[in-house]
Amino acid sequence: MVLISVVIATKNRPKDLKNCLKAILRNKFKNFEVVVVDQSKNKESEKIIKSFRSKRIIYKHQRKEGKSYALNYGIKISKGKLIAFTDDDCIVSKDWLKNIFSSFKRNKYIYGVFGNTLPYRKQFHKDESCPSRIVVKKYSMFKIPVVHWEKIGNGNNMAFRKEVFEMLGYFKEWLSTGTYSYSGEDSEFVNRLLYRGFSVSHDPSVLVYHNSWLTYKEYRLKKLHYLCGMMASYGYLGLKGVDIGKKVVARHIYFTKENLKGDIIKFIKIKNFSLQEFIYHLKELFYLSKGLFIAFIHRRENHI
C-alpha cells in the first residue's frame, strides 16, 4: 500500500500541535508517517513529540523561520509517494488519510487533492471568527488556474503526489506565514500546477476542522495579512502572464478603490462616516500595495 507522509510546520503552539497529532494518529488508514518541522524558540513542542513515543512521527527542528521553508524541508525528507498537509491548529477527521488515498486511487491523472475545512466546535465560540474555512459540497476537478479559496481549498487541507514537487519545484519561500508576505504559498503552488497542465480535485470527504478562533480585531488584522499574501501570490502569477492572477489583482484594486471612494463621499456629506473604517480601508490599500510590490521584486524568478 502507498505510504502517505503528513507534513506539518509548527512554531510555539505545543498544545495545538498535541491535539493535531492525536487526531492524525487516530486515523483508520495506517500506512503513514508524520513529519513535524518545528521552528519554536523553546523545547515545548519537542517534549510533546517525545510524549507520544510514536515511531510514525519524525521530528526536525529548524532555526530558519518561514512556513514554506519548513514545508519544503519536510517534503524533501519525507518517504511517502503522497504528501498531505495540514496546520498545527487543525483537527483532521478519522477518515482523512483514507479518503485522500481513495481520491488519488480513483483518478490516476489527479496530482493534487483539496478538501473542506470547517470551524472546530463553533458552538463554543459565538463571539469569535474562524479563518481559512471552505465548504464545497460537490466533488470537483480543475484543469485551469482558478481562485483557490472560492473553489479548490486552502493549505490546511491539501495533498499532492510527491513527484509533482520534483517536476515543478517547491513552495515559494518568500510566500507564507513567517515572511513579509504573511501567506500565499498554497495559492501560488496550486495555480502553478494547474497552469502547467496538471489536474487537481476538491473532495468534500477529505475533511479537517480549523481550531483557530479570533476576536473581531484579530480577524480584521488576519484579513489584511491574507490580502497581502493574496496580492503577492496572484500578482506574481499575473506578472508571469497567468490570467487568473491579473483578474484577482484587478478585482481587489477595484474593491479597495470603491471602499475609499465611499468613505470620502460619506465624509463630504457628513453622513455615516466612520474614521475607524476609513483608517482600515487605508490599511487595505497599504497591504494590497505591499503584496504587489513583493510580487514585483520576485517577478524575475524562474517561469512558473
C-alpha atoms as a PDB file:
ATOM      1  CA  MET A   1       0.000   0.000   0.000  1.00  0.00           C
ATOM      2  CA  VAL A   2       1.128   3.560  -0.767  1.00  0.00           C
ATOM      3  CA  LEU A   3       2.818   5.429   2.088  1.00  0.00           C
ATOM      4  CA  ILE A   4       1.380   8.862   2.917  1.00  0.00           C
ATOM      5  CA  SER A   5       3.660  11.448   4.520  1.00  0.00           C
ATOM      6  CA  VAL A   6       1.889  14.137   6.546  1.00  0.00           C
ATOM      7  CA  VAL A   7       3.988  17.300   6.734  1.00  0.00           C
ATOM      8  CA  ILE A   8       3.306  19.839   9.489  1.00  0.00           C
ATOM      9  CA  ALA A   9       5.101  23.126  10.119  1.00  0.00           C
ATOM     10  CA  THR A  10       4.804  24.361  13.704  1.00  0.00           C
ATOM     11  CA  LYS A  11       6.043  27.234  15.831  1.00  0.00           C
ATOM     12  CA  ASN A  12       5.347  27.910  19.519  1.00  0.00           C
ATOM     13  CA  ARG A  13       1.984  26.112  19.618  1.00  0.00           C
ATOM     14  CA  PRO A  14       2.631  22.911  21.586  1.00  0.00           C
ATOM     15  CA  LYS A  15      -0.969  22.436  22.804  1.00  0.00           C
ATOM     16  CA  ASP A  16      -2.390  22.837  19.312  1.00  0.00           C
ATOM     17  CA  LEU A  17       0.257  20.505  17.927  1.00  0.00           C
ATOM     18  CA  LYS A  18      -0.621  17.861  20.513  1.00  0.00           C
ATOM     19  CA  ASN A  19      -4.311  17.920  19.532  1.00  0.00           C
ATOM     20  CA  CYS A  20      -3.405  17.858  15.846  1.00  0.00           C
ATOM     21  CA  LEU A  21      -1.137  14.815  16.220  1.00  0.00           C
ATOM     22  CA  LYS A  22      -3.696  12.948  18.345  1.00  0.00           C
ATOM     23  CA  ALA A  23      -6.241  13.286  15.552  1.00  0.00           C
ATOM     24  CA  ILE A  24      -3.789  12.164  12.860  1.00  0.00           C
ATOM     25  CA  LEU A  25      -2.675   9.125  14.846  1.00  0.00           C
ATOM     26  CA  ARG A  26      -6.328   8.082  15.304  1.00  0.00           C
ATOM     27  CA  ASN A  27      -6.781   7.780  11.549  1.00  0.00           C
ATOM     28  CA  LYS A  28      -8.072   4.446  10.229  1.00  0.00           C
ATOM     29  CA  PHE A  29      -5.549   4.443   7.380  1.00  0.00           C
ATOM     30  CA  LYS A  30      -2.360   3.112   8.950  1.00  0.00           C
ATOM     31  CA  ASN A  31       0.371   3.333   6.311  1.00  0.00           C
ATOM     32  CA  PHE A  32       1.597   6.834   7.083  1.00  0.00           C
ATOM     33  CA  GLU A  33       4.322   8.901   8.699  1.00  0.00           C
ATOM     34  CA  VAL A  34       4.136  12.395  10.212  1.00  0.00           C
ATOM     35  CA  VAL A  35       6.991  14.806   9.552  1.00  0.00           C
ATOM     36  CA  VAL A  36       6.943  17.686  12.046  1.00  0.00           C
ATOM     37  CA  VAL A  37       9.236  20.615  11.265  1.00  0.00           C
ATOM     38  CA  ASP A  38       9.459  22.814  14.353  1.00  0.00           C
ATOM     39  CA  GLN A  39      10.638  26.434  14.341  1.00  0.00           C
ATOM     40  CA  SER A  40       9.803  27.095  18.009  1.00  0.00           C
ATOM     41  CA  LYS A  41      12.065  29.117  20.275  1.00  0.00           C
ATOM     42  CA  ASN A  42      11.695  26.632  23.136  1.00  0.00           C
ATOM     43  CA  LYS A  43      11.586  22.867  23.744  1.00  0.00           C
ATOM     44  CA  GLU A  44       7.864  22.545  24.484  1.00  0.00           C
ATOM     45  CA  SER A  45       6.855  21.137  21.102  1.00  0.00           C
ATOM     46  CA  GLU A  46       9.740  18.686  21.174  1.00  0.00           C
ATOM     47  CA  LYS A  47       8.541  17.459  24.587  1.00  0.00           C
ATOM     48  CA  ILE A  48       5.073  16.915  23.130  1.00  0.00           C
ATOM     49  CA  ILE A  49       6.531  14.801  20.313  1.00  0.00           C
ATOM     50  CA  LYS A  50       8.508  12.664  22.753  1.00  0.00           C
ATOM     51  CA  SER A  51       5.419  12.098  24.915  1.00  0.00           C
ATOM     52  CA  PHE A  52       3.708  10.251  22.047  1.00  0.00           C
ATOM     53  CA  ARG A  53       6.501   7.670  21.787  1.00  0.00           C
ATOM     54  CA  SER A  54       5.398   7.005  18.230  1.00  0.00           C
ATOM     55  CA  LYS A  55       7.740   5.712  15.539  1.00  0.00           C
ATOM     56  CA  ARG A  56       5.436   7.257  12.969  1.00  0.00           C
ATOM     57  CA  ILE A  57       6.467  10.795  13.979  1.00  0.00           C
ATOM     58  CA  ILE A  58       9.669  12.251  12.532  1.00  0.00           C
ATOM     59  CA  TYR A  59      10.718  15.410  14.360  1.00  0.00           C
ATOM     60  CA  LYS A  60      13.089  18.049  12.995  1.00  0.00           C
ATOM     61  CA  HIS A  61      13.922  21.423  14.490  1.00  0.00           C
ATOM     62  CA  GLN A  62      14.875  24.331  12.215  1.00  0.00           C
ATOM     63  CA  ARG A  63      16.228  27.719  13.232  1.00  0.00           C
ATOM     64  CA  LYS A  64      15.325  29.424   9.980  1.00  0.00           C
ATOM     65  CA  GLU A  65      11.785  30.841  10.066  1.00  0.00           C
ATOM     66  CA  GLY A  66       9.044  30.706   7.466  1.00  0.00           C
ATOM     67  CA  LYS A  67       6.296  28.147   6.927  1.00  0.00           C
ATOM     68  CA  SER A  68       7.231  27.497   3.289  1.00  0.00           C
ATOM     69  CA  TYR A  69      10.811  26.759   4.276  1.00  0.00           C
ATOM     70  CA  ALA A  70       9.582  24.248   6.868  1.00  0.00           C
ATOM     71  CA  LEU A  71       7.179  22.600   4.413  1.00  0.00           C
ATOM     72  CA  ASN A  72       9.852  22.296   1.727  1.00  0.00           C
ATOM     73  CA  TYR A  73      12.263  20.723   4.179  1.00  0.00           C
ATOM     74  CA  GLY A  74       9.554  18.292   5.299  1.00  0.00           C
ATOM     75  CA  ILE A  75       8.781  17.307   1.703  1.00  0.00           C
ATOM     76  CA  LYS A  76      12.445  16.613   0.951  1.00  0.00           C
ATOM     77  CA  ILE A  77      12.942  14.245   3.895  1.00  0.00           C
ATOM     78  CA  SER A  78       9.555  12.532   3.588  1.00  0.00           C
ATOM     79  CA  LYS A  79       9.345   8.981   2.233  1.00  0.00           C
ATOM     80  CA  GLY A  80       5.749   8.840   1.023  1.00  0.00           C
ATOM     81  CA  LYS A  81       4.591   8.927  -2.580  1.00  0.00           C
ATOM     82  CA  LEU A  82       1.679  11.081  -1.401  1.00  0.00           C
ATOM     83  CA  ILE A  83       2.345  14.195   0.699  1.00  0.00           C
ATOM     84  CA  ALA A  84      -0.531  15.501   2.829  1.00  0.00           C
ATOM     85  CA  PHE A  85      -0.549  18.887   4.569  1.00  0.00           C
ATOM     86  CA  THR A  86      -2.464  20.309   7.480  1.00  0.00           C
ATOM     87  CA  ASP A  87      -1.722  23.002  10.076  1.00  0.00           C
ATOM     88  CA  ASP A  88      -0.835  22.510  13.720  1.00  0.00           C
ATOM     89  CA  ASP A  89      -4.101  24.197  14.768  1.00  0.00           C
ATOM     90  CA  CYS A  90      -6.261  21.778  12.762  1.00  0.00           C
ATOM     91  CA  ILE A  91      -8.082  18.587  13.779  1.00  0.00           C
ATOM     92  CA  VAL A  92      -8.300  16.057  10.948  1.00  0.00           C
ATOM     93  CA  SER A  93     -11.192  13.618  10.630  1.00  0.00           C
ATOM     94  CA  LYS A  94     -10.705   9.894  11.311  1.00  0.00           C
ATOM     95  CA  ASP A  95     -11.071   9.114   7.598  1.00  0.00           C
ATOM     96  CA  TRP A  96      -8.858  11.962   6.405  1.00  0.00           C
ATOM     97  CA  LEU A  97      -5.934   9.845   5.198  1.00  0.00           C
ATOM     98  CA  LYS A  98      -8.128   7.048   3.880  1.00  0.00           C
ATOM     99  CA  ASN A  99     -10.161   9.500   1.793  1.00  0.00           C
ATOM    100  CA  ILE A 100      -7.021  11.200   0.483  1.00  0.00           C
ATOM    101  CA  PHE A 101      -5.689   7.814  -0.607  1.00  0.00           C
ATOM    102  CA  SER A 102      -9.040   6.861  -2.179  1.00  0.00           C
ATOM    103  CA  SER A 103      -9.267  10.144  -4.044  1.00  0.00           C
ATOM    104  CA  PHE A 104      -5.861   9.647  -5.676  1.00  0.00           C
ATOM    105  CA  LYS A 105      -6.583   5.985  -6.349  1.00  0.00           C
ATOM    106  CA  ARG A 106      -9.864   6.877  -8.038  1.00  0.00           C
ATOM    107  CA  ASN A 107      -8.131   9.018 -10.659  1.00  0.00           C
ATOM    108  CA  LYS A 108      -4.506   8.431 -11.581  1.00  0.00           C
ATOM    109  CA  TYR A 109      -4.448  11.709 -13.541  1.00  0.00           C
ATOM    110  CA  ILE A 110      -5.042  13.806 -10.406  1.00  0.00           C
ATOM    111  CA  TYR A 111      -1.901  15.349  -8.910  1.00  0.00           C
ATOM    112  CA  GLY A 112      -3.473  17.298  -6.052  1.00  0.00           C
ATOM    113  CA  VAL A 113      -6.437  16.827  -3.707  1.00  0.00           C
ATOM    114  CA  PHE A 114      -8.041  19.501  -1.542  1.00  0.00           C
ATOM    115  CA  GLY A 115     -10.864  19.116   0.968  1.00  0.00           C
ATOM    116  CA  ASN A 116     -13.281  21.018   3.163  1.00  0.00           C
ATOM    117  CA  THR A 117     -12.207  22.935   6.250  1.00  0.00           C
ATOM    118  CA  LEU A 118     -14.855  23.601   8.902  1.00  0.00           C
ATOM    119  CA  PRO A 119     -14.745  25.535  12.194  1.00  0.00           C
ATOM    120  CA  TYR A 120     -13.962  23.323  15.201  1.00  0.00           C
ATOM    121  CA  ARG A 121     -16.646  23.341  17.921  1.00  0.00           C
ATOM    122  CA  LYS A 122     -18.242  26.526  16.667  1.00  0.00           C
ATOM    123  CA  GLN A 123     -20.881  26.434  19.400  1.00  0.00           C
ATOM    124  CA  PHE A 124     -18.250  27.380  21.991  1.00  0.00           C
ATOM    125  CA  HIS A 125     -17.022  30.439  20.077  1.00  0.00           C
ATOM    126  CA  LYS A 126     -20.091  32.594  19.430  1.00  0.00           C
ATOM    127  CA  ASP A 127     -18.222  35.907  19.602  1.00  0.00           C
ATOM    128  CA  GLU A 128     -15.168  34.786  17.630  1.00  0.00           C
ATOM    129  CA  SER A 129     -14.349  34.059  13.991  1.00  0.00           C
ATOM    130  CA  CYS A 130     -12.539  31.114  12.427  1.00  0.00           C
ATOM    131  CA  PRO A 131     -10.399  31.920   9.345  1.00  0.00           C
ATOM    132  CA  SER A 132      -9.319  29.698   6.430  1.00  0.00           C
ATOM    133  CA  ARG A 133     -12.592  27.828   6.042  1.00  0.00           C
ATOM    134  CA  ILE A 134     -14.021  26.308   2.881  1.00  0.00           C
ATOM    135  CA  VAL A 135     -17.125  24.260   2.147  1.00  0.00           C
ATOM    136  CA  VAL A 136     -17.681  22.874  -1.347  1.00  0.00           C
ATOM    137  CA  LYS A 137     -20.473  20.296  -1.388  1.00  0.00           C
ATOM    138  CA  LYS A 138     -19.693  18.523  -4.677  1.00  0.00           C
ATOM    139  CA  TYR A 139     -16.630  16.661  -5.927  1.00  0.00           C
ATOM    140  CA  SER A 140     -14.933  18.874  -8.497  1.00  0.00           C
ATOM    141  CA  MET A 141     -11.993  18.628 -10.872  1.00  0.00           C
ATOM    142  CA  PHE A 142      -9.882  21.541 -12.089  1.00  0.00           C
ATOM    143  CA  LYS A 143      -7.631  21.767 -15.117  1.00  0.00           C
ATOM    144  CA  ILE A 144      -7.019  25.525 -15.377  1.00  0.00           C
ATOM    145  CA  PRO A 145      -5.993  28.139 -12.772  1.00  0.00           C
ATOM    146  CA  VAL A 146      -8.852  29.374 -10.555  1.00  0.00           C
ATOM    147  CA  VAL A 147      -9.429  31.457  -7.420  1.00  0.00           C
ATOM    148  CA  HIS A 148      -8.320  28.839  -4.899  1.00  0.00           C
ATOM    149  CA  TRP A 149     -10.261  29.999  -1.824  1.00  0.00           C
ATOM    150  CA  GLU A 150     -13.569  30.000  -3.723  1.00  0.00           C
ATOM    151  CA  LYS A 151     -13.425  26.603  -5.431  1.00  0.00           C
ATOM    152  CA  ILE A 152     -10.424  24.449  -4.544  1.00  0.00           C
ATOM    153  CA  GLY A 153      -9.399  24.869  -0.899  1.00  0.00           C
ATOM    154  CA  ASN A 154      -6.650  26.026   1.423  1.00  0.00           C
ATOM    155  CA  GLY A 155      -3.223  24.898   2.538  1.00  0.00           C
ATOM    156  CA  ASN A 156      -4.521  23.482   5.818  1.00  0.00           C
ATOM    157  CA  ASN A 157      -6.141  20.588   3.949  1.00  0.00           C
ATOM    158  CA  MET A 158      -4.337  19.524   0.792  1.00  0.00           C
ATOM    159  CA  ALA A 159      -2.273  16.662  -0.609  1.00  0.00           C
ATOM    160  CA  PHE A 160      -0.074  16.137  -3.671  1.00  0.00           C
ATOM    161  CA  ARG A 161       1.807  13.370  -5.397  1.00  0.00           C
ATOM    162  CA  LYS A 162       5.420  13.847  -4.338  1.00  0.00           C
ATOM    163  CA  GLU A 163       6.616  13.617  -7.929  1.00  0.00           C
ATOM    164  CA  VAL A 164       4.921  16.929  -8.749  1.00  0.00           C
ATOM    165  CA  PHE A 165       7.357  18.774  -6.474  1.00  0.00           C
ATOM    166  CA  GLU A 166      10.238  17.083  -8.230  1.00  0.00           C
ATOM    167  CA  MET A 167       8.854  18.242 -11.578  1.00  0.00           C
ATOM    168  CA  LEU A 168       7.664  21.766 -10.727  1.00  0.00           C
ATOM    169  CA  GLY A 169       9.740  22.760  -7.722  1.00  0.00           C
ATOM    170  CA  TYR A 170       8.637  23.549  -4.192  1.00  0.00           C
ATOM    171  CA  PHE A 171       6.675  26.230  -2.350  1.00  0.00           C
ATOM    172  CA  LYS A 172       7.955  29.787  -2.791  1.00  0.00           C
ATOM    173  CA  GLU A 173       9.859  30.580   0.390  1.00  0.00           C
ATOM    174  CA  TRP A 174       9.060  34.300   0.163  1.00  0.00           C
ATOM    175  CA  LEU A 175       5.365  33.445   0.494  1.00  0.00           C
ATOM    176  CA  SER A 176       3.759  32.138   3.730  1.00  0.00           C
ATOM    177  CA  THR A 177       3.485  32.761   7.445  1.00  0.00           C
ATOM    178  CA  GLY A 178       6.761  33.979   8.893  1.00  0.00           C
ATOM    179  CA  THR A 179       7.682  36.022   5.800  1.00  0.00           C
ATOM    180  CA  TYR A 180       6.954  39.601   4.756  1.00  0.00           C
ATOM    181  CA  SER A 181       4.043  38.378   2.606  1.00  0.00           C
ATOM    182  CA  TYR A 182       2.282  36.554   5.513  1.00  0.00           C
ATOM    183  CA  SER A 183       0.623  33.880   3.305  1.00  0.00           C
ATOM    184  CA  GLY A 184       0.051  32.716  -0.263  1.00  0.00           C
ATOM    185  CA  GLU A 185       2.275  29.658  -0.712  1.00  0.00           C
ATOM    186  CA  ASP A 186      -0.707  27.344  -1.312  1.00  0.00           C
ATOM    187  CA  SER A 187      -2.442  29.560  -3.883  1.00  0.00           C
ATOM    188  CA  GLU A 188       0.709  30.116  -5.927  1.00  0.00           C
ATOM    189  CA  PHE A 189       1.662  26.433  -5.957  1.00  0.00           C
ATOM    190  CA  VAL A 190      -1.742  25.012  -6.911  1.00  0.00           C
ATOM    191  CA  ASN A 191      -2.158  27.545  -9.715  1.00  0.00           C
ATOM    192  CA  ARG A 192       1.386  26.861 -10.907  1.00  0.00           C
ATOM    193  CA  LEU A 193       0.442  23.188 -11.033  1.00  0.00           C
ATOM    194  CA  LEU A 194      -2.771  23.895 -12.972  1.00  0.00           C
ATOM    195  CA  TYR A 195      -1.023  26.295 -15.335  1.00  0.00           C
ATOM    196  CA  ARG A 196       1.494  23.576 -16.198  1.00  0.00           C
ATOM    197  CA  GLY A 197      -1.295  21.191 -17.212  1.00  0.00           C
ATOM    198  CA  PHE A 198      -1.706  19.042 -14.075  1.00  0.00           C
ATOM    199  CA  SER A 199      -5.202  18.425 -12.711  1.00  0.00           C
ATOM    200  CA  VAL A 200      -6.375  18.730  -9.109  1.00  0.00           C
ATOM    201  CA  SER A 201      -9.624  17.925  -7.362  1.00  0.00           C
ATOM    202  CA  HIS A 202     -11.728  19.058  -4.454  1.00  0.00           C
ATOM    203  CA  ASP A 203     -13.093  16.100  -2.497  1.00  0.00           C
ATOM    204  CA  PRO A 204     -15.632  17.022   0.243  1.00  0.00           C
ATOM    205  CA  SER A 205     -14.930  13.732   2.060  1.00  0.00           C
ATOM    206  CA  VAL A 206     -11.384  14.956   2.802  1.00  0.00           C
ATOM    207  CA  LEU A 207     -12.287  16.877   5.941  1.00  0.00           C
ATOM    208  CA  VAL A 208     -10.446  18.820   8.627  1.00  0.00           C
ATOM    209  CA  TYR A 209     -11.579  21.216  11.358  1.00  0.00           C
ATOM    210  CA  HIS A 210      -9.800  24.510  11.989  1.00  0.00           C
ATOM    211  CA  ASN A 211      -9.332  25.160  15.705  1.00  0.00           C
ATOM    212  CA  SER A 212      -8.313  28.809  15.365  1.00  0.00           C
ATOM    213  CA  TRP A 213     -10.543  31.453  16.918  1.00  0.00           C
ATOM    214  CA  LEU A 214     -10.013  35.192  16.651  1.00  0.00           C
ATOM    215  CA  THR A 215     -11.651  38.259  18.126  1.00  0.00           C
ATOM    216  CA  TYR A 216     -13.135  40.827  15.746  1.00  0.00           C
ATOM    217  CA  LYS A 217      -9.963  42.940  15.919  1.00  0.00           C
ATOM    218  CA  GLU A 218      -7.682  39.926  15.399  1.00  0.00           C
ATOM    219  CA  TYR A 219      -9.782  38.691  12.482  1.00  0.00           C
ATOM    220  CA  ARG A 220      -9.616  42.066  10.729  1.00  0.00           C
ATOM    221  CA  LEU A 221      -5.825  42.053  11.035  1.00  0.00           C
ATOM    222  CA  LYS A 222      -5.713  38.480   9.703  1.00  0.00           C
ATOM    223  CA  LYS A 223      -7.739  39.596   6.673  1.00  0.00           C
ATOM    224  CA  LEU A 224      -5.149  42.298   5.959  1.00  0.00           C
ATOM    225  CA  HIS A 225      -2.376  39.701   6.127  1.00  0.00           C
ATOM    226  CA  TYR A 226      -4.335  37.426   3.784  1.00  0.00           C
ATOM    227  CA  LEU A 227      -4.805  40.361   1.405  1.00  0.00           C
ATOM    228  CA  CYS A 228      -1.058  40.946   1.307  1.00  0.00           C
ATOM    229  CA  GLY A 229      -0.325  37.267   0.623  1.00  0.00           C
ATOM    230  CA  MET A 230      -3.066  37.117  -1.977  1.00  0.00           C
ATOM    231  CA  MET A 231      -1.689  40.116  -3.868  1.00  0.00           C
ATOM    232  CA  ALA A 232       1.850  38.730  -3.624  1.00  0.00           C
ATOM    233  CA  SER A 233       0.880  35.299  -4.974  1.00  0.00           C
ATOM    234  CA  TYR A 234      -1.709  36.321  -7.573  1.00  0.00           C
ATOM    235  CA  GLY A 235       0.286  39.411  -8.511  1.00  0.00           C
ATOM    236  CA  TYR A 236       3.278  37.167  -9.167  1.00  0.00           C
ATOM    237  CA  LEU A 237       1.099  34.900 -11.319  1.00  0.00           C
ATOM    238  CA  GLY A 238      -0.268  37.911 -13.187  1.00  0.00           C
ATOM    239  CA  LEU A 239       3.233  39.205 -13.908  1.00  0.00           C
ATOM    240  CA  LYS A 240       4.028  35.754 -15.324  1.00  0.00           C
ATOM    241  CA  GLY A 241       1.095  36.088 -17.710  1.00  0.00           C
ATOM    242  CA  VAL A 242      -1.485  33.939 -15.889  1.00  0.00           C
ATOM    243  CA  ASP A 243      -4.944  35.424 -16.475  1.00  0.00           C
ATOM    244  CA  ILE A 244      -6.410  34.470 -13.083  1.00  0.00           C
ATOM    245  CA  GLY A 245      -3.626  36.441 -11.396  1.00  0.00           C
ATOM    246  CA  LYS A 246      -4.490  39.565 -13.375  1.00  0.00           C
ATOM    247  CA  LYS A 247      -8.211  39.169 -12.642  1.00  0.00           C
ATOM    248  CA  VAL A 248      -7.786  38.720  -8.871  1.00  0.00           C
ATOM    249  CA  VAL A 249      -5.484  41.735  -8.622  1.00  0.00           C
ATOM    250  CA  ALA A 250      -7.821  43.914 -10.711  1.00  0.00           C
ATOM    251  CA  ARG A 251     -10.812  42.836  -8.619  1.00  0.00           C
ATOM    252  CA  HIS A 252      -9.195  43.746  -5.316  1.00  0.00           C
ATOM    253  CA  ILE A 253      -7.826  47.048  -6.608  1.00  0.00           C
ATOM    254  CA  TYR A 254     -11.380  47.913  -7.646  1.00  0.00           C
ATOM    255  CA  PHE A 255     -12.876  46.946  -4.264  1.00  0.00           C
ATOM    256  CA  THR A 256     -10.221  48.912  -2.362  1.00  0.00           C
ATOM    257  CA  LYS A 257     -10.754  51.977  -4.544  1.00  0.00           C
ATOM    258  CA  GLU A 258     -14.543  51.785  -4.087  1.00  0.00           C
ATOM    259  CA  ASN A 259     -14.228  51.462  -0.303  1.00  0.00           C
ATOM    260  CA  LEU A 260     -12.084  54.588  -0.085  1.00  0.00           C
ATOM    261  CA  LYS A 261     -14.300  56.433  -2.555  1.00  0.00           C
ATOM    262  CA  GLY A 262     -17.333  55.592  -0.401  1.00  0.00           C
ATOM    263  CA  ASP A 263     -15.568  56.870   2.732  1.00  0.00           C
ATOM    264  CA  ILE A 264     -14.744  60.192   1.050  1.00  0.00           C
ATOM    265  CA  ILE A 265     -18.333  60.639  -0.129  1.00  0.00           C
ATOM    266  CA  LYS A 266     -19.624  59.938   3.389  1.00  0.00           C
ATOM    267  CA  PHE A 267     -17.147  62.457   4.818  1.00  0.00           C
ATOM    268  CA  ILE A 268     -18.186  65.174   2.358  1.00  0.00           C
ATOM    269  CA  LYS A 269     -21.882  64.581   3.038  1.00  0.00           C
ATOM    270  CA  ILE A 270     -21.200  64.254   6.805  1.00  0.00           C
ATOM    271  CA  LYS A 271     -23.346  61.105   6.805  1.00  0.00           C
ATOM    272  CA  ASN A 272     -22.450  57.700   8.304  1.00  0.00           C
ATOM    273  CA  PHE A 273     -18.730  58.492   8.104  1.00  0.00           C
ATOM    274  CA  SER A 274     -16.575  56.246  10.287  1.00  0.00           C
ATOM    275  CA  LEU A 275     -12.989  57.296  10.923  1.00  0.00           C
ATOM    276  CA  GLN A 276     -12.227  53.754  12.093  1.00  0.00           C
ATOM    277  CA  GLU A 277     -13.442  52.251   8.795  1.00  0.00           C
ATOM    278  CA  PHE A 278     -11.593  54.889   6.795  1.00  0.00           C
ATOM    279  CA  ILE A 279      -8.338  54.006   8.574  1.00  0.00           C
ATOM    280  CA  TYR A 280      -8.975  50.298   7.979  1.00  0.00           C
ATOM    281  CA  HIS A 281      -9.543  50.915   4.266  1.00  0.00           C
ATOM    282  CA  LEU A 282      -6.275  52.858   4.139  1.00  0.00           C
ATOM    283  CA  LYS A 283      -4.596  49.817   5.704  1.00  0.00           C
ATOM    284  CA  GLU A 284      -6.170  47.675   2.975  1.00  0.00           C
ATOM    285  CA  LEU A 285      -4.536  49.941   0.395  1.00  0.00           C
ATOM    286  CA  PHE A 286      -1.195  49.613   2.179  1.00  0.00           C
ATOM    287  CA  TYR A 287      -1.276  45.786   2.413  1.00  0.00           C
ATOM    288  CA  LEU A 288      -2.524  45.473  -1.168  1.00  0.00           C
ATOM    289  CA  SER A 289       0.322  47.698  -2.369  1.00  0.00           C
ATOM    290  CA  LYS A 290       2.835  45.805  -0.232  1.00  0.00           C
ATOM    291  CA  GLY A 291       1.725  42.478  -1.729  1.00  0.00           C
ATOM    292  CA  LEU A 292       2.039  43.821  -5.283  1.00  0.00           C
ATOM    293  CA  PHE A 293       5.483  45.230  -4.508  1.00  0.00           C
ATOM    294  CA  ILE A 294       6.579  41.802  -3.211  1.00  0.00           C
ATOM    295  CA  ALA A 295       5.287  40.214  -6.434  1.00  0.00           C
ATOM    296  CA  PHE A 296       7.157  42.807  -8.475  1.00  0.00           C
ATOM    297  CA  ILE A 297      10.522  42.267  -6.790  1.00  0.00           C
ATOM    298  CA  HIS A 298      10.235  38.490  -7.304  1.00  0.00           C
ATOM    299  CA  ARG A 299       8.971  38.708 -10.898  1.00  0.00           C
ATOM    300  CA  ARG A 300      12.308  37.633 -12.386  1.00  0.00           C
ATOM    301  CA  GLU A 301      12.251  34.218 -10.726  1.00  0.00           C
ATOM    302  CA  ASN A 302      12.034  31.134 -12.903  1.00  0.00           C
ATOM    303  CA  HIS A 303       8.920  30.935 -15.021  1.00  0.00           C
ATOM    304  CA  ILE A 304       6.053  29.008 -13.486  1.00  0.00           C
END
